[in-house]
Amino acid sequence: MHLHFTLLLHLQEKYYKHIVHFLSKNYTIWGINYLDGRNNFSTDLKTRSGSEETFIALCDSDQAIAYFHRKGFPVIAFSHDDNTDESLMASPWLILSADALTPEFLEEVYCRYYRLPLTITDTARCHLRELLMADLPFLMELQKENETNPDGCFFPTDCEDPDLFLREYIQHQYPFYNYGLYAVLEKEQNTFLGIAGFSTPIESDTEDMDIEISYALLKRHQHKGYMSEVLESLIAREKENGRFDQLTARIHRSNHASIHMAKKQKISIILYE
């Protein structure tokens, strides 16, 4: 998903100028609209209601946050030295400086507000995104194919209600932890291939952040190089983000293909019987 955003700025004037200066210096793709708190800015929204651009409001007052919530827009609160009397608690997103206004952050705000899946990464042939309820039949197929191999399953072996499990996973896992297992899709046909991503933090004797990486493809899509392509891109993304110090895969010692894949990607391996 590639979105172009129009920021509706309802800020004290000097902070408006600071934000505009930052955005103009660093980005060229965004629309910026200043809404002066002393005027009736609802008229402006009505005249722009036919725009294909995506509105996100940036406000530094409780009154403005409430207004944009009523309008149905996602709202980012901006805390600074001159609005300490404002609670800014009505918005789930709060920034302390203009540096936080990256395209990635705005896309996350938009997708979380409208409950859309975030794009994680793209490769030459594959698209990696957060899971959707529409993926349930494919996840069930993956589960059935891996009845004797829990590592290839999305649902726990004792899961009694896969529909509810997936619904709650989507609702809580991604927004709260900002990582999880993702859908792997073939780009051209948008075909569900399998899953890849991060599952369980691993206890460590050091302060390093270790995380378990998991991956599985439906059998009809295996041995085509898809997963090697996806893991390479996913690992490169995480190295750039710097969230995890070590990636570890739990693999059954008889699963030689998965062991080979992990070694190729320099993933630490925990073998089990």
Protein backbone atom coordinates (compact mmCIF):
# COMPACT_ATOMS: atom_id res chain seq x y z
CA MET A 1 0.00 0.00 0.00
CA HIS A 2 1.43 3.37 -1.03
CA LEU A 3 -0.61 6.27 0.32
CA HIS A 4 -0.30 10.00 -0.20
CA PHE A 5 -1.37 11.91 2.88
CA THR A 6 -2.76 15.36 3.46
CA LEU A 7 -1.89 16.52 6.94
CA LEU A 8 -4.48 18.79 8.53
CA LEU A 9 -2.43 20.91 10.93
CA HIS A 10 -4.32 22.44 13.82
CA LEU A 11 -1.40 23.83 15.81
CA GLN A 12 -0.13 26.93 17.50
CA GLU A 13 1.37 29.05 14.75
CA LYS A 14 5.05 28.71 15.59
CA TYR A 15 4.73 24.93 15.76
CA TYR A 16 2.82 24.93 12.50
CA LYS A 17 5.75 26.74 10.86
CA HIS A 18 8.22 24.32 12.43
CA ILE A 19 6.31 21.28 11.15
CA VAL A 20 5.90 22.72 7.65
CA HIS A 21 9.61 23.61 7.50
CA PHE A 22 10.56 20.06 8.50
CA LEU A 23 8.22 18.39 6.02
CA SER A 24 9.14 20.72 3.16
CA LYS A 25 12.82 20.07 3.78
CA ASN A 26 12.54 16.29 3.97
CA TYR A 27 9.57 15.27 1.81
CA THR A 28 7.94 16.34 -1.40
CA ILE A 29 4.88 14.08 -1.66
CA TRP A 30 2.63 15.39 1.09
CA GLY A 31 -0.14 17.93 1.08
CA ILE A 32 -0.20 20.28 4.08
CA ASN A 33 -3.25 22.27 5.09
CA TYR A 34 -3.12 24.77 7.95
CA LEU A 35 -6.33 25.03 9.96
CA ASP A 36 -6.18 28.06 12.24
CA GLY A 37 -7.92 27.38 15.53
CA ARG A 38 -9.44 30.89 15.49
CA ASN A 39 -11.43 30.12 12.32
CA ASN A 40 -14.21 27.74 11.45
CA PHE A 41 -12.19 25.03 9.74
CA SER A 42 -15.16 22.72 9.05
CA THR A 43 -15.83 24.69 5.85
CA ASP A 44 -12.40 23.79 4.55
CA LEU A 45 -13.00 20.09 5.09
CA LYS A 46 -16.26 20.22 3.18
CA THR A 47 -14.65 21.85 0.16
CA ARG A 48 -11.97 19.15 0.08
CA SER A 49 -14.25 16.20 0.75
CA GLY A 50 -13.99 14.99 -2.84
CA SER A 51 -10.20 14.76 -2.74
CA GLU A 52 -8.55 11.39 -3.29
CA GLU A 53 -5.89 12.29 -0.77
CA THR A 54 -5.90 10.75 2.67
CA PHE A 55 -6.50 13.02 5.64
CA ILE A 56 -4.63 12.69 8.92
CA ALA A 57 -4.96 15.44 11.50
CA LEU A 58 -2.08 16.68 13.64
CA CYS A 59 -3.30 18.68 16.65
CA ASP A 60 -1.93 20.19 19.83
CA SER A 61 -5.21 20.78 21.73
CA ASP A 62 -7.86 18.55 23.23
CA GLN A 63 -10.61 20.54 21.52
CA ALA A 64 -9.14 19.98 18.05
CA ILE A 65 -8.57 16.26 18.72
CA ALA A 66 -12.22 15.87 19.70
CA TYR A 67 -13.34 17.76 16.59
CA PHE A 68 -11.41 15.55 14.18
CA HIS A 69 -12.52 12.42 15.97
CA ARG A 70 -16.12 13.50 15.32
CA LYS A 71 -15.21 14.02 11.66
CA GLY A 72 -13.97 10.44 11.51
CA PHE A 73 -10.29 11.16 10.86
CA PRO A 74 -7.27 9.56 12.51
CA VAL A 75 -5.61 12.10 14.80
CA ILE A 76 -2.02 12.44 15.97
CA ALA A 77 -1.43 14.54 19.09
CA PHE A 78 1.61 16.83 19.23
CA SER A 79 3.02 17.55 22.69
CA HIS A 80 5.30 20.55 23.12
CA ASP A 81 6.43 23.08 25.75
CA ASP A 82 3.50 25.43 25.15
CA ASN A 83 0.59 22.97 25.55
CA THR A 84 1.40 21.29 28.85
CA ASP A 85 -2.11 22.17 30.07
CA GLU A 86 -3.63 19.88 27.43
CA SER A 87 -4.07 16.20 28.28
CA LEU A 88 -3.86 14.94 24.64
CA MET A 89 -5.10 11.59 25.94
CA ALA A 90 -7.91 11.16 23.42
CA SER A 91 -5.52 10.13 20.65
CA PRO A 92 -3.66 6.80 20.69
CA TRP A 93 -0.78 8.44 18.77
CA LEU A 94 1.40 11.17 20.25
CA ILE A 95 4.62 12.69 18.96
CA LEU A 96 7.16 14.93 20.66
CA SER A 97 8.97 16.20 17.56
CA ALA A 98 8.56 16.55 13.82
CA ASP A 99 11.13 13.80 13.26
CA ALA A 100 8.45 11.22 14.07
CA LEU A 101 6.39 12.20 11.01
CA THR A 102 7.82 9.65 8.62
CA PRO A 103 5.81 8.14 5.75
CA GLU A 104 6.01 4.79 7.53
CA PHE A 105 4.54 6.23 10.73
CA LEU A 106 1.68 7.95 8.89
CA GLU A 107 0.87 4.79 6.97
CA GLU A 108 0.79 2.87 10.26
CA VAL A 109 -1.56 5.44 11.81
CA TYR A 110 -3.87 5.25 8.82
CA CYS A 111 -3.89 1.44 8.66
CA ARG A 112 -4.38 0.99 12.39
CA TYR A 113 -7.24 3.50 12.43
CA TYR A 114 -9.07 1.86 9.53
CA ARG A 115 -7.99 -1.68 10.52
CA LEU A 116 -6.13 -2.36 7.30
CA PRO A 117 -3.14 -4.71 7.01
CA LEU A 118 0.27 -3.08 6.98
CA THR A 119 2.70 -3.95 4.22
CA ILE A 120 5.84 -5.42 5.77
CA THR A 121 8.15 -5.87 2.79
CA ASP A 122 8.19 -6.66 -0.92
CA THR A 123 10.57 -8.82 -2.93
CA ALA A 124 10.87 -9.43 -6.66
CA ARG A 125 8.07 -12.00 -6.58
CA CYS A 126 6.45 -11.77 -3.14
CA HIS A 127 4.46 -9.39 -0.97
CA LEU A 128 4.50 -9.69 2.83
CA ARG A 129 1.62 -8.15 4.78
CA GLU A 130 -0.22 -8.55 8.06
CA LEU A 131 -2.79 -11.33 8.20
CA LEU A 132 -6.47 -10.83 7.35
CA MET A 133 -9.57 -12.80 8.28
CA ALA A 134 -9.79 -13.72 4.59
CA ASP A 135 -6.59 -15.75 5.08
CA LEU A 136 -8.35 -18.19 7.42
CA PRO A 137 -9.00 -20.97 4.83
CA PHE A 138 -5.34 -20.95 3.78
CA LEU A 139 -4.13 -20.99 7.37
CA MET A 140 -6.39 -23.97 8.04
CA GLU A 141 -4.95 -25.71 4.98
CA LEU A 142 -1.44 -25.01 6.27
CA GLN A 143 -2.49 -26.39 9.66
CA LYS A 144 -3.76 -29.61 8.09
CA GLU A 145 -0.61 -30.08 6.03
CA ASN A 146 1.51 -29.76 9.18
CA GLU A 147 -0.43 -31.95 11.62
CA THR A 148 2.81 -33.69 12.63
CA ASN A 149 4.94 -30.54 12.39
CA PRO A 150 3.79 -27.76 14.79
CA ASP A 151 6.48 -25.43 13.42
CA GLY A 152 4.57 -25.19 10.17
CA CYS A 153 1.30 -24.20 11.84
CA PHE A 154 -0.15 -20.80 12.64
CA PHE A 155 -2.66 -22.00 15.25
CA PRO A 156 -1.65 -23.70 18.51
CA THR A 157 -2.28 -27.44 18.48
CA ASP A 158 -4.94 -27.06 21.17
CA CYS A 159 -6.78 -24.17 19.42
CA GLU A 160 -10.53 -24.82 19.61
CA ASP A 161 -11.74 -21.75 17.70
CA PRO A 162 -9.37 -20.75 14.84
CA ASP A 163 -11.71 -17.96 13.70
CA LEU A 164 -11.65 -16.28 17.12
CA PHE A 165 -7.91 -16.89 17.53
CA LEU A 166 -7.11 -15.20 14.21
CA ARG A 167 -9.50 -12.31 14.89
CA GLU A 168 -7.91 -11.58 18.28
CA TYR A 169 -4.41 -12.05 16.88
CA ILE A 170 -5.02 -9.39 14.22
CA GLN A 171 -6.66 -7.07 16.74
CA HIS A 172 -3.97 -7.29 19.43
CA GLN A 173 -0.69 -8.76 18.18
CA TYR A 174 0.28 -6.21 15.54
CA PRO A 175 -0.75 -2.96 17.28
CA PHE A 176 0.64 -3.97 20.69
CA TYR A 177 3.87 -5.78 19.78
CA ASN A 178 4.47 -4.29 16.33
CA TYR A 179 5.58 -7.67 15.01
CA GLY A 180 4.06 -11.08 14.35
CA LEU A 181 3.50 -13.71 11.69
CA TYR A 182 2.63 -12.35 8.26
CA ALA A 183 0.99 -13.58 5.06
CA VAL A 184 3.33 -14.33 2.17
CA LEU A 185 1.66 -13.59 -1.17
CA GLU A 186 2.76 -14.07 -4.76
CA LYS A 187 2.66 -10.59 -6.28
CA GLU A 188 1.21 -11.10 -9.75
CA GLN A 189 -1.78 -13.26 -8.82
CA ASN A 190 -2.02 -12.23 -5.14
CA THR A 191 -1.85 -15.94 -4.28
CA PHE A 192 -1.47 -16.96 -0.64
CA LEU A 193 1.80 -18.92 -0.37
CA GLY A 194 2.34 -19.29 3.37
CA ILE A 195 3.46 -17.40 6.46
CA ALA A 196 6.67 -15.88 7.78
CA GLY A 197 7.57 -13.58 10.65
CA PHE A 198 8.29 -13.48 14.34
CA SER A 199 6.53 -15.35 17.12
CA THR A 200 8.01 -15.80 20.59
CA PRO A 201 10.73 -13.84 22.42
CA ILE A 202 13.46 -16.18 23.62
CA GLU A 203 14.86 -15.90 27.14
CA SER A 204 18.51 -14.90 27.19
CA ASP A 205 21.17 -14.59 29.88
CA THR A 206 22.21 -11.29 28.33
CA GLU A 207 20.33 -8.07 27.63
CA ASP A 208 20.08 -8.99 23.96
CA MET A 209 16.62 -9.14 22.41
CA ASP A 210 16.26 -12.62 20.90
CA ILE A 211 13.17 -13.54 18.90
CA GLU A 212 11.94 -16.72 17.26
CA ILE A 213 11.52 -16.51 13.50
CA SER A 214 8.99 -18.84 11.90
CA TYR A 215 8.15 -19.66 8.29
CA ALA A 216 6.08 -22.19 6.36
CA LEU A 217 4.76 -22.56 2.83
CA LEU A 218 1.83 -24.54 1.51
CA LYS A 219 3.23 -27.69 -0.07
CA ARG A 220 2.24 -26.74 -3.62
CA HIS A 221 4.40 -23.60 -3.37
CA GLN A 222 7.51 -25.19 -1.88
CA HIS A 223 10.86 -25.69 -3.65
CA LYS A 224 10.42 -22.59 -5.81
CA GLY A 225 12.73 -20.25 -3.89
CA TYR A 226 9.92 -18.12 -2.45
CA MET A 227 10.86 -18.45 1.21
CA SER A 228 14.55 -17.79 0.69
CA GLU A 229 13.56 -14.57 -1.09
CA VAL A 230 11.16 -13.54 1.67
CA LEU A 231 13.49 -14.32 4.58
CA GLU A 232 16.34 -12.40 3.02
CA SER A 233 14.17 -9.29 2.70
CA LEU A 234 12.54 -9.71 6.12
CA ILE A 235 15.86 -10.15 7.90
CA ALA A 236 17.39 -7.16 6.10
CA ARG A 237 14.41 -5.06 7.22
CA GLU A 238 14.84 -6.10 10.85
CA LYS A 239 18.57 -5.42 10.78
CA GLU A 240 17.79 -1.92 9.56
CA ASN A 241 15.19 -1.45 12.31
CA GLY A 242 17.58 -2.80 14.93
CA ARG A 243 14.80 -4.30 17.09
CA PHE A 244 16.21 -7.79 17.52
CA ASP A 245 19.77 -8.85 18.33
CA GLN A 246 19.39 -12.50 17.39
CA LEU A 247 16.95 -14.48 15.26
CA THR A 248 16.37 -18.10 16.23
CA ALA A 249 14.36 -20.87 14.56
CA ARG A 250 13.06 -24.00 16.31
CA ILE A 251 13.25 -26.82 13.78
CA HIS A 252 12.65 -30.55 13.97
CA ARG A 253 15.98 -32.26 13.28
CA SER A 254 14.40 -34.26 10.43
CA ASN A 255 13.34 -31.10 8.57
CA HIS A 256 16.51 -30.81 6.49
CA ALA A 257 15.10 -28.24 4.06
CA SER A 258 14.19 -25.82 6.87
CA ILE A 259 17.57 -26.36 8.56
CA HIS A 260 19.33 -25.58 5.28
CA MET A 261 17.20 -22.45 4.86
CA ALA A 262 18.04 -21.21 8.37
CA LYS A 263 21.76 -21.80 7.90
CA LYS A 264 21.71 -20.00 4.57
CA GLN A 265 20.12 -16.95 6.24
CA LYS A 266 22.49 -17.16 9.25
CA ILE A 267 19.61 -17.84 11.63
CA SER A 268 20.45 -19.51 14.94
CA ILE A 269 18.87 -22.97 15.16
CA ILE A 270 17.35 -24.89 18.08
CA LEU A 271 16.82 -28.52 17.05
CA TYR A 272 14.27 -30.76 18.73
CA GLU A 273 13.14 -34.37 18.40
